[in-house]
């Protein structure tokens, strides 16, 4: 039975796929831009500045469920490129990277990873097919998380801080 919340459904999918593939689960997320380096204090301040510049009411809409040989994209939900997602990545890149930094121009392929790892093509295809359909309607984005990705494995990456997002019609 699928939960009513899109977020709860995604968390269940990630946990189930990770267990099936004998991998560690990870928090549901959409990566807005390439990684950056900073002290923790500076990173938190920059992340807060990104959040303050984001448009209210960001929603995710499914384009397709696909599998890949890329380690951090073994199975992903490819997302529709909406005006809000484009504005979000442009805001993040503008805050985090100086003019001329090539990370400002890196292609943005919005996706929600469901499984990490190196898996055989037949296994990836079977697991992707088992995902089924995305919940009806768009899934609202509730927060931005700042994650320290310097550990040896993603299972050790701590969430440094989480910043709630403003829903459409709410005041900041």
N, C-alpha and C. Protein backbone atom coordinates (compact mmCIF):
# COMPACT_ATOMS: atom_id res chain seq x y z
N UNK A 1 0.84 -1.19 0.00
CA UNK A 1 0.00 0.00 0.00
C UNK A 1 0.88 1.25 0.00
N UNK A 2 0.59 2.16 -0.86
CA UNK A 2 1.36 3.39 -1.00
C UNK A 2 0.86 4.43 -0.02
N UNK A 3 1.79 5.10 0.72
CA UNK A 3 1.38 6.17 1.63
C UNK A 3 0.84 7.37 0.86
N UNK A 4 0.04 8.18 1.52
CA UNK A 4 -0.56 9.36 0.89
C UNK A 4 0.49 10.39 0.52
N UNK A 5 1.52 10.55 1.34
CA UNK A 5 2.56 11.55 1.11
C UNK A 5 3.59 11.05 0.11
N UNK A 6 3.90 11.89 -0.87
CA UNK A 6 4.95 11.55 -1.83
C UNK A 6 6.29 11.36 -1.15
N UNK A 7 6.57 12.20 -0.14
CA UNK A 7 7.84 12.10 0.58
C UNK A 7 7.95 10.77 1.32
N UNK A 8 6.87 10.36 1.98
CA UNK A 8 6.89 9.09 2.70
C UNK A 8 7.08 7.93 1.73
N UNK A 9 6.44 8.01 0.56
CA UNK A 9 6.56 6.97 -0.45
C UNK A 9 8.01 6.87 -0.94
N UNK A 10 8.65 8.02 -1.17
CA UNK A 10 10.04 8.01 -1.63
C UNK A 10 10.95 7.42 -0.57
N UNK A 11 10.76 7.79 0.70
CA UNK A 11 11.58 7.22 1.78
C UNK A 11 11.44 5.70 1.82
N UNK A 12 10.20 5.21 1.66
CA UNK A 12 9.96 3.76 1.67
C UNK A 12 10.64 3.10 0.47
N UNK A 13 10.57 3.73 -0.70
CA UNK A 13 11.22 3.18 -1.89
C UNK A 13 12.72 3.07 -1.70
N UNK A 14 13.34 4.15 -1.22
CA UNK A 14 14.79 4.15 -1.02
C UNK A 14 15.19 3.05 -0.04
N UNK A 15 14.48 2.94 1.07
CA UNK A 15 14.79 1.92 2.07
C UNK A 15 14.62 0.51 1.49
N UNK A 16 13.52 0.29 0.75
CA UNK A 16 13.26 -1.02 0.17
C UNK A 16 14.27 -1.41 -0.89
N UNK A 17 14.61 -0.48 -1.78
CA UNK A 17 15.60 -0.77 -2.82
C UNK A 17 16.97 -1.01 -2.21
N UNK A 18 17.33 -0.21 -1.20
CA UNK A 18 18.62 -0.39 -0.54
C UNK A 18 18.70 -1.77 0.12
N UNK A 19 17.64 -2.17 0.79
CA UNK A 19 17.63 -3.49 1.44
C UNK A 19 17.74 -4.60 0.40
N UNK A 20 16.99 -4.47 -0.70
CA UNK A 20 17.03 -5.49 -1.76
C UNK A 20 18.42 -5.60 -2.38
N UNK A 21 19.09 -4.47 -2.55
CA UNK A 21 20.41 -4.45 -3.19
C UNK A 21 21.56 -4.57 -2.17
N UNK A 22 21.20 -4.71 -0.88
CA UNK A 22 22.20 -4.79 0.19
C UNK A 22 23.13 -3.58 0.21
N UNK A 23 22.50 -2.41 0.12
CA UNK A 23 23.19 -1.13 0.17
C UNK A 23 22.64 -0.33 1.34
N UNK A 24 23.36 0.70 1.76
CA UNK A 24 22.86 1.58 2.82
C UNK A 24 21.85 2.56 2.21
N UNK A 25 20.74 2.81 2.90
CA UNK A 25 19.80 3.83 2.41
C UNK A 25 20.37 5.22 2.64
N UNK A 26 19.73 6.22 2.08
CA UNK A 26 20.16 7.62 2.21
C UNK A 26 18.92 8.48 2.22
N UNK A 27 19.03 9.72 2.73
CA UNK A 27 17.86 10.60 2.74
C UNK A 27 17.42 10.97 1.31
N UNK A 28 16.13 11.06 1.11
CA UNK A 28 15.60 11.48 -0.19
C UNK A 28 16.05 12.92 -0.44
N UNK A 29 16.51 13.18 -1.66
CA UNK A 29 16.99 14.52 -1.98
C UNK A 29 17.09 14.73 -3.49
N UNK A 30 17.09 16.00 -3.87
CA UNK A 30 17.39 16.41 -5.23
C UNK A 30 18.61 17.33 -5.11
N UNK A 31 19.68 17.00 -5.81
CA UNK A 31 20.88 17.81 -5.76
C UNK A 31 20.70 19.02 -6.67
N UNK A 32 20.86 20.22 -6.11
CA UNK A 32 20.65 21.45 -6.87
C UNK A 32 21.85 21.87 -7.71
N UNK A 33 23.06 21.51 -7.26
CA UNK A 33 24.25 21.97 -7.98
C UNK A 33 25.45 21.13 -7.58
N UNK A 34 26.57 21.33 -8.26
CA UNK A 34 27.79 20.60 -7.88
C UNK A 34 28.22 20.94 -6.47
N UNK A 35 29.08 20.10 -5.91
CA UNK A 35 29.59 20.30 -4.57
C UNK A 35 30.47 21.54 -4.50
N UNK A 36 30.62 22.06 -3.28
CA UNK A 36 31.50 23.20 -3.04
C UNK A 36 32.24 22.96 -1.73
N UNK A 37 33.35 23.66 -1.56
CA UNK A 37 34.13 23.53 -0.34
C UNK A 37 34.06 24.83 0.45
N UNK A 38 33.91 24.70 1.77
CA UNK A 38 33.87 25.87 2.65
C UNK A 38 34.00 25.37 4.08
N UNK A 39 34.30 26.28 4.99
CA UNK A 39 34.23 25.91 6.40
C UNK A 39 32.76 25.63 6.70
N UNK A 40 32.49 24.92 7.78
CA UNK A 40 31.10 24.63 8.12
C UNK A 40 30.31 25.91 8.32
N UNK A 41 30.89 26.88 9.02
CA UNK A 41 30.19 28.15 9.26
C UNK A 41 29.85 28.85 7.94
N UNK A 42 30.82 28.91 7.02
CA UNK A 42 30.57 29.55 5.73
C UNK A 42 29.56 28.76 4.90
N UNK A 43 29.66 27.43 4.96
CA UNK A 43 28.72 26.59 4.20
C UNK A 43 27.29 26.81 4.69
N UNK A 44 27.10 26.88 6.00
CA UNK A 44 25.76 27.12 6.55
C UNK A 44 25.25 28.49 6.12
N UNK A 45 26.10 29.50 6.17
CA UNK A 45 25.69 30.85 5.75
C UNK A 45 25.33 30.87 4.27
N UNK A 46 26.11 30.18 3.45
CA UNK A 46 25.82 30.13 2.01
C UNK A 46 24.52 29.38 1.75
N UNK A 47 24.32 28.26 2.44
CA UNK A 47 23.09 27.49 2.26
C UNK A 47 21.88 28.32 2.67
N UNK A 48 22.00 29.07 3.75
CA UNK A 48 20.91 29.94 4.19
C UNK A 48 20.62 31.00 3.12
N UNK A 49 21.66 31.56 2.51
CA UNK A 49 21.48 32.55 1.44
C UNK A 49 20.80 31.93 0.23
N UNK A 50 21.13 30.69 -0.08
CA UNK A 50 20.46 29.99 -1.18
C UNK A 50 18.98 29.87 -0.89
N UNK A 51 18.65 29.38 0.30
CA UNK A 51 17.25 29.17 0.68
C UNK A 51 16.47 30.48 0.62
N UNK A 52 17.06 31.57 1.10
CA UNK A 52 16.39 32.87 1.08
C UNK A 52 16.12 33.35 -0.34
N UNK A 53 16.90 32.88 -1.31
CA UNK A 53 16.70 33.28 -2.70
C UNK A 53 15.82 32.36 -3.52
N UNK A 54 15.36 31.26 -2.92
CA UNK A 54 14.55 30.29 -3.67
C UNK A 54 13.11 30.77 -3.82
N UNK A 55 12.49 30.39 -4.94
CA UNK A 55 11.07 30.73 -5.10
C UNK A 55 10.23 29.88 -4.16
N UNK A 56 9.09 30.39 -3.70
CA UNK A 56 8.22 29.58 -2.82
C UNK A 56 7.50 28.50 -3.63
N UNK A 57 7.12 27.46 -2.93
CA UNK A 57 6.26 26.43 -3.54
C UNK A 57 6.91 25.60 -4.62
N UNK A 58 8.13 25.10 -4.39
CA UNK A 58 8.78 24.22 -5.37
C UNK A 58 8.13 22.84 -5.29
N UNK A 59 7.75 22.32 -6.45
CA UNK A 59 7.17 20.98 -6.54
C UNK A 59 7.95 20.14 -7.54
N UNK A 60 7.98 18.84 -7.29
CA UNK A 60 8.65 17.90 -8.19
C UNK A 60 7.60 17.13 -8.97
N UNK A 61 7.88 16.94 -10.27
CA UNK A 61 6.99 16.15 -11.11
C UNK A 61 7.80 15.11 -11.86
N UNK A 62 7.30 13.88 -11.87
CA UNK A 62 7.98 12.76 -12.52
C UNK A 62 8.04 12.93 -14.02
N UNK A 63 9.20 12.62 -14.57
CA UNK A 63 9.32 12.46 -16.01
C UNK A 63 9.42 10.98 -16.32
N UNK A 64 10.31 10.27 -15.61
CA UNK A 64 10.43 8.82 -15.81
C UNK A 64 11.29 8.21 -14.71
N UNK A 65 11.21 6.91 -14.56
CA UNK A 65 12.09 6.17 -13.67
C UNK A 65 13.09 5.45 -14.57
N UNK A 66 14.38 5.71 -14.33
CA UNK A 66 15.42 5.14 -15.20
C UNK A 66 16.54 4.56 -14.37
N UNK A 67 17.30 3.67 -14.99
CA UNK A 67 18.48 3.12 -14.34
C UNK A 67 19.72 3.56 -15.11
N UNK A 68 20.87 3.49 -14.44
CA UNK A 68 22.10 4.03 -15.00
C UNK A 68 23.30 3.29 -14.44
N UNK A 69 24.43 3.37 -15.15
CA UNK A 69 25.67 2.80 -14.64
C UNK A 69 26.39 3.78 -13.71
N UNK A 70 25.92 5.02 -13.61
CA UNK A 70 26.53 6.00 -12.71
C UNK A 70 26.26 5.60 -11.26
N UNK A 71 27.29 5.56 -10.43
CA UNK A 71 27.18 5.06 -9.06
C UNK A 71 26.07 5.75 -8.27
N UNK A 72 26.00 7.07 -8.31
CA UNK A 72 25.00 7.80 -7.52
C UNK A 72 23.68 7.98 -8.25
N UNK A 73 23.51 7.27 -9.37
CA UNK A 73 22.26 7.33 -10.14
C UNK A 73 21.84 5.94 -10.63
N UNK A 74 22.10 4.92 -9.83
CA UNK A 74 21.77 3.57 -10.26
C UNK A 74 20.31 3.46 -10.67
N UNK A 75 19.41 4.00 -9.84
CA UNK A 75 18.00 4.13 -10.21
C UNK A 75 17.57 5.52 -9.75
N UNK A 76 16.99 6.27 -10.67
CA UNK A 76 16.55 7.62 -10.35
C UNK A 76 15.16 7.89 -10.90
N UNK A 77 14.51 8.84 -10.27
CA UNK A 77 13.30 9.43 -10.84
C UNK A 77 13.79 10.69 -11.55
N UNK A 78 13.77 10.68 -12.88
CA UNK A 78 14.11 11.89 -13.63
C UNK A 78 12.94 12.85 -13.47
N UNK A 79 13.26 14.10 -13.19
CA UNK A 79 12.22 15.09 -12.90
C UNK A 79 12.03 16.04 -14.07
N UNK A 80 10.79 16.51 -14.21
CA UNK A 80 10.52 17.53 -15.21
C UNK A 80 11.27 18.80 -14.85
N UNK A 81 11.87 19.41 -15.86
CA UNK A 81 12.61 20.65 -15.64
C UNK A 81 11.59 21.78 -15.60
N UNK A 82 11.24 22.19 -14.39
CA UNK A 82 10.25 23.26 -14.23
C UNK A 82 10.96 24.61 -14.05
N UNK A 83 10.21 25.67 -14.21
CA UNK A 83 10.78 27.01 -13.98
C UNK A 83 11.31 27.13 -12.55
N UNK A 84 10.59 26.54 -11.59
CA UNK A 84 11.01 26.62 -10.19
C UNK A 84 12.33 25.87 -9.96
N UNK A 85 12.50 24.70 -10.58
CA UNK A 85 13.76 23.95 -10.41
C UNK A 85 14.92 24.68 -11.08
N UNK A 86 14.69 25.25 -12.25
CA UNK A 86 15.74 26.01 -12.93
C UNK A 86 16.12 27.23 -12.08
N UNK A 87 15.12 27.93 -11.54
CA UNK A 87 15.41 29.07 -10.67
C UNK A 87 16.18 28.63 -9.43
N UNK A 88 15.85 27.46 -8.89
CA UNK A 88 16.53 26.97 -7.69
C UNK A 88 18.00 26.66 -7.97
N UNK A 89 18.30 25.98 -9.08
CA UNK A 89 19.71 25.67 -9.37
C UNK A 89 20.48 26.94 -9.72
N UNK A 90 19.84 27.85 -10.44
CA UNK A 90 20.53 29.11 -10.77
C UNK A 90 20.81 29.93 -9.51
N UNK A 91 19.87 29.94 -8.58
CA UNK A 91 20.08 30.65 -7.31
C UNK A 91 21.24 30.02 -6.55
N UNK A 92 21.23 28.70 -6.42
CA UNK A 92 22.29 28.01 -5.68
C UNK A 92 23.65 28.26 -6.31
N UNK A 93 23.74 28.13 -7.62
CA UNK A 93 25.02 28.32 -8.30
C UNK A 93 25.50 29.76 -8.19
N UNK A 94 24.57 30.71 -8.25
CA UNK A 94 24.94 32.12 -8.14
C UNK A 94 25.48 32.47 -6.76
N UNK A 95 24.94 31.84 -5.72
CA UNK A 95 25.40 32.09 -4.36
C UNK A 95 26.72 31.36 -4.09
N UNK A 96 26.84 30.14 -4.56
CA UNK A 96 27.97 29.29 -4.18
C UNK A 96 29.23 29.46 -5.01
N UNK A 97 29.08 29.84 -6.29
CA UNK A 97 30.23 29.86 -7.18
C UNK A 97 30.46 31.25 -7.77
N UNK A 98 31.72 31.70 -7.80
CA UNK A 98 32.00 33.03 -8.35
C UNK A 98 31.84 33.06 -9.87
N UNK A 99 31.70 34.26 -10.41
CA UNK A 99 31.64 34.44 -11.87
C UNK A 99 32.83 33.72 -12.49
N UNK A 100 32.59 33.06 -13.61
CA UNK A 100 33.66 32.37 -14.32
C UNK A 100 33.89 30.94 -13.86
N UNK A 101 33.35 30.55 -12.72
CA UNK A 101 33.51 29.17 -12.23
C UNK A 101 32.67 28.26 -13.12
N UNK A 102 33.28 27.24 -13.69
CA UNK A 102 32.60 26.36 -14.63
C UNK A 102 31.42 25.61 -14.00
N UNK A 103 31.41 25.48 -12.67
CA UNK A 103 30.29 24.79 -12.02
C UNK A 103 28.98 25.55 -12.19
N UNK A 104 29.06 26.83 -12.52
CA UNK A 104 27.84 27.59 -12.81
C UNK A 104 27.16 27.09 -14.08
N UNK A 105 27.95 26.53 -15.01
CA UNK A 105 27.41 26.11 -16.30
C UNK A 105 27.22 24.59 -16.42
N UNK A 106 27.62 23.83 -15.40
CA UNK A 106 27.47 22.38 -15.47
C UNK A 106 26.00 22.04 -15.75
N UNK A 107 25.79 21.07 -16.63
CA UNK A 107 24.42 20.68 -17.00
C UNK A 107 23.62 20.32 -15.75
N UNK A 108 22.37 20.74 -15.73
CA UNK A 108 21.47 20.42 -14.62
C UNK A 108 20.50 19.36 -15.10
N UNK A 109 20.57 18.20 -14.51
CA UNK A 109 19.69 17.09 -14.83
C UNK A 109 18.95 16.73 -13.55
N UNK A 110 17.83 17.42 -13.28
CA UNK A 110 17.15 17.18 -12.00
C UNK A 110 16.67 15.74 -11.87
N UNK A 111 17.02 15.15 -10.75
CA UNK A 111 16.64 13.76 -10.51
C UNK A 111 16.57 13.51 -9.01
N UNK A 112 15.85 12.50 -8.66
CA UNK A 112 15.72 12.05 -7.30
C UNK A 112 16.27 10.63 -7.26
N UNK A 113 17.46 10.46 -6.70
CA UNK A 113 18.07 9.12 -6.66
C UNK A 113 17.28 8.22 -5.72
N UNK A 114 17.09 6.99 -6.17
CA UNK A 114 16.41 5.99 -5.34
C UNK A 114 17.36 4.88 -4.90
N UNK A 115 18.46 4.69 -5.67
CA UNK A 115 19.43 3.64 -5.34
C UNK A 115 20.80 4.06 -5.83
N UNK A 116 21.80 3.87 -4.98
CA UNK A 116 23.19 4.09 -5.36
C UNK A 116 23.85 2.73 -5.59
N UNK A 117 25.00 2.74 -6.22
CA UNK A 117 25.82 1.53 -6.32
C UNK A 117 26.08 1.08 -7.74
N UNK A 118 26.96 0.10 -7.83
CA UNK A 118 27.25 -0.55 -9.10
C UNK A 118 26.49 -1.87 -9.14
N UNK A 119 25.53 -1.96 -10.05
CA UNK A 119 24.67 -3.13 -10.12
C UNK A 119 24.60 -3.62 -11.57
N UNK A 120 24.39 -4.90 -11.73
CA UNK A 120 24.24 -5.47 -13.08
C UNK A 120 23.04 -4.85 -13.78
N UNK A 121 23.12 -4.73 -15.09
CA UNK A 121 22.05 -4.10 -15.88
C UNK A 121 20.71 -4.79 -15.66
N UNK A 122 20.69 -6.11 -15.60
CA UNK A 122 19.42 -6.82 -15.42
C UNK A 122 18.83 -6.55 -14.03
N UNK A 123 19.69 -6.45 -13.02
CA UNK A 123 19.21 -6.13 -11.67
C UNK A 123 18.65 -4.72 -11.61
N UNK A 124 19.37 -3.76 -12.22
CA UNK A 124 18.89 -2.38 -12.23
C UNK A 124 17.54 -2.29 -12.95
N UNK A 125 17.43 -2.94 -14.07
CA UNK A 125 16.18 -2.88 -14.85
C UNK A 125 15.02 -3.48 -14.05
N UNK A 126 15.26 -4.60 -13.38
CA UNK A 126 14.21 -5.24 -12.59
C UNK A 126 13.79 -4.37 -11.41
N UNK A 127 14.77 -3.78 -10.72
CA UNK A 127 14.46 -2.92 -9.59
C UNK A 127 13.73 -1.65 -10.04
N UNK A 128 14.16 -1.08 -11.16
CA UNK A 128 13.49 0.12 -11.68
C UNK A 128 12.04 -0.20 -12.06
N UNK A 129 11.83 -1.35 -12.66
CA UNK A 129 10.47 -1.75 -13.05
C UNK A 129 9.60 -1.97 -11.82
N UNK A 130 10.20 -2.42 -10.72
CA UNK A 130 9.45 -2.69 -9.49
C UNK A 130 9.02 -1.40 -8.79
N UNK A 131 9.62 -0.28 -9.14
CA UNK A 131 9.28 0.98 -8.50
C UNK A 131 7.81 1.33 -8.71
N UNK A 132 7.32 1.07 -9.90
CA UNK A 132 5.92 1.37 -10.18
C UNK A 132 5.72 2.83 -10.54
N UNK A 133 4.54 3.33 -10.27
CA UNK A 133 4.17 4.69 -10.66
C UNK A 133 4.44 5.68 -9.53
N UNK A 134 4.74 6.90 -9.91
CA UNK A 134 4.91 8.02 -8.99
C UNK A 134 3.53 8.37 -8.45
N UNK A 135 3.44 8.84 -7.21
CA UNK A 135 2.12 9.25 -6.70
C UNK A 135 1.51 10.33 -7.61
N UNK A 136 0.22 10.32 -7.71
CA UNK A 136 -0.46 11.30 -8.56
C UNK A 136 -0.18 12.71 -8.07
N UNK A 137 0.02 13.61 -9.00
CA UNK A 137 0.23 15.02 -8.68
C UNK A 137 1.66 15.32 -8.28
N UNK A 138 1.96 16.60 -8.17
CA UNK A 138 3.31 17.01 -7.80
C UNK A 138 3.61 16.76 -6.33
N UNK A 139 4.89 16.61 -6.02
CA UNK A 139 5.35 16.40 -4.65
C UNK A 139 6.01 17.68 -4.17
N UNK A 140 5.49 18.32 -3.12
CA UNK A 140 6.10 19.57 -2.65
C UNK A 140 7.46 19.31 -1.99
N UNK A 141 8.37 20.25 -2.18
CA UNK A 141 9.68 20.18 -1.55
C UNK A 141 9.58 20.95 -0.24
N UNK A 142 9.95 20.31 0.87
CA UNK A 142 9.76 20.92 2.17
C UNK A 142 10.98 21.57 2.78
N UNK A 143 12.18 21.22 2.30
CA UNK A 143 13.38 21.73 2.94
C UNK A 143 14.59 21.62 2.02
N UNK A 144 15.62 22.37 2.37
CA UNK A 144 16.93 22.24 1.75
C UNK A 144 17.85 21.73 2.84
N UNK A 145 18.64 20.71 2.52
CA UNK A 145 19.59 20.16 3.49
C UNK A 145 21.01 20.43 3.01
N UNK A 146 21.85 20.84 3.93
CA UNK A 146 23.27 21.01 3.67
C UNK A 146 23.95 19.73 4.16
N UNK A 147 24.62 19.03 3.24
CA UNK A 147 25.22 17.74 3.56
C UNK A 147 26.74 17.82 3.38
N UNK A 148 27.48 17.32 4.35
CA UNK A 148 28.93 17.25 4.25
C UNK A 148 29.27 15.93 3.56
N UNK A 149 29.81 16.02 2.35
CA UNK A 149 30.06 14.82 1.53
C UNK A 149 31.52 14.43 1.48
N UNK A 150 32.27 14.73 2.53
CA UNK A 150 33.70 14.43 2.51
C UNK A 150 34.05 13.08 3.12
N UNK A 151 33.10 12.36 3.66
CA UNK A 151 33.38 11.05 4.25
C UNK A 151 33.72 10.02 3.20
N UNK A 152 34.23 8.88 3.66
CA UNK A 152 34.64 7.81 2.74
C UNK A 152 33.46 7.18 2.02
N UNK A 153 32.29 7.17 2.64
CA UNK A 153 31.12 6.55 2.04
C UNK A 153 29.90 7.41 2.32
N UNK A 154 28.94 7.39 1.42
CA UNK A 154 27.74 8.21 1.60
C UNK A 154 26.99 7.88 2.88
N UNK A 155 27.12 6.67 3.39
CA UNK A 155 26.43 6.29 4.63
C UNK A 155 26.95 7.10 5.82
N UNK A 156 28.13 7.71 5.69
CA UNK A 156 28.72 8.51 6.76
C UNK A 156 28.51 10.01 6.56
N UNK A 157 27.86 10.43 5.49
CA UNK A 157 27.70 11.85 5.20
C UNK A 157 26.65 12.45 6.13
N UNK A 158 27.05 13.36 7.01
CA UNK A 158 26.07 13.95 7.93
C UNK A 158 25.31 15.11 7.28
N UNK A 159 24.06 15.26 7.68
CA UNK A 159 23.30 16.45 7.33
C UNK A 159 23.71 17.51 8.34
N UNK A 160 24.35 18.58 7.86
CA UNK A 160 24.86 19.63 8.73
C UNK A 160 23.72 20.50 9.26
N UNK A 161 22.82 20.86 8.36
CA UNK A 161 21.68 21.68 8.76
C UNK A 161 20.57 21.51 7.72
N UNK A 162 19.34 21.62 8.20
CA UNK A 162 18.17 21.56 7.32
C UNK A 162 17.43 22.88 7.42
N UNK A 163 17.07 23.43 6.26
CA UNK A 163 16.39 24.72 6.19
C UNK A 163 15.00 24.52 5.61
N UNK A 164 13.94 24.76 6.37
CA UNK A 164 12.57 24.61 5.84
C UNK A 164 12.35 25.60 4.70
N UNK A 165 11.57 25.17 3.71
CA UNK A 165 11.23 26.04 2.59
C UNK A 165 9.84 26.63 2.79
N UNK A 166 9.63 27.76 2.17
CA UNK A 166 8.33 28.43 2.21
C UNK A 166 7.42 27.81 1.16
N UNK A 167 6.21 27.47 1.57
CA UNK A 167 5.22 26.97 0.62
C UNK A 167 4.63 28.16 -0.13
N UNK A 168 4.04 27.89 -1.28
CA UNK A 168 3.41 28.96 -2.06
C UNK A 168 2.34 29.65 -1.19
N UNK A 169 2.37 30.96 -1.17
CA UNK A 169 1.40 31.73 -0.41
C UNK A 169 1.79 32.02 1.03
N UNK A 170 2.87 31.39 1.54
CA UNK A 170 3.34 31.64 2.90
C UNK A 170 4.33 32.80 2.89
N UNK A 171 4.44 33.46 4.02
CA UNK A 171 5.44 34.52 4.19
C UNK A 171 6.74 33.89 4.69
N UNK A 172 7.86 34.47 4.29
CA UNK A 172 9.17 33.98 4.77
C UNK A 172 9.38 34.43 6.19
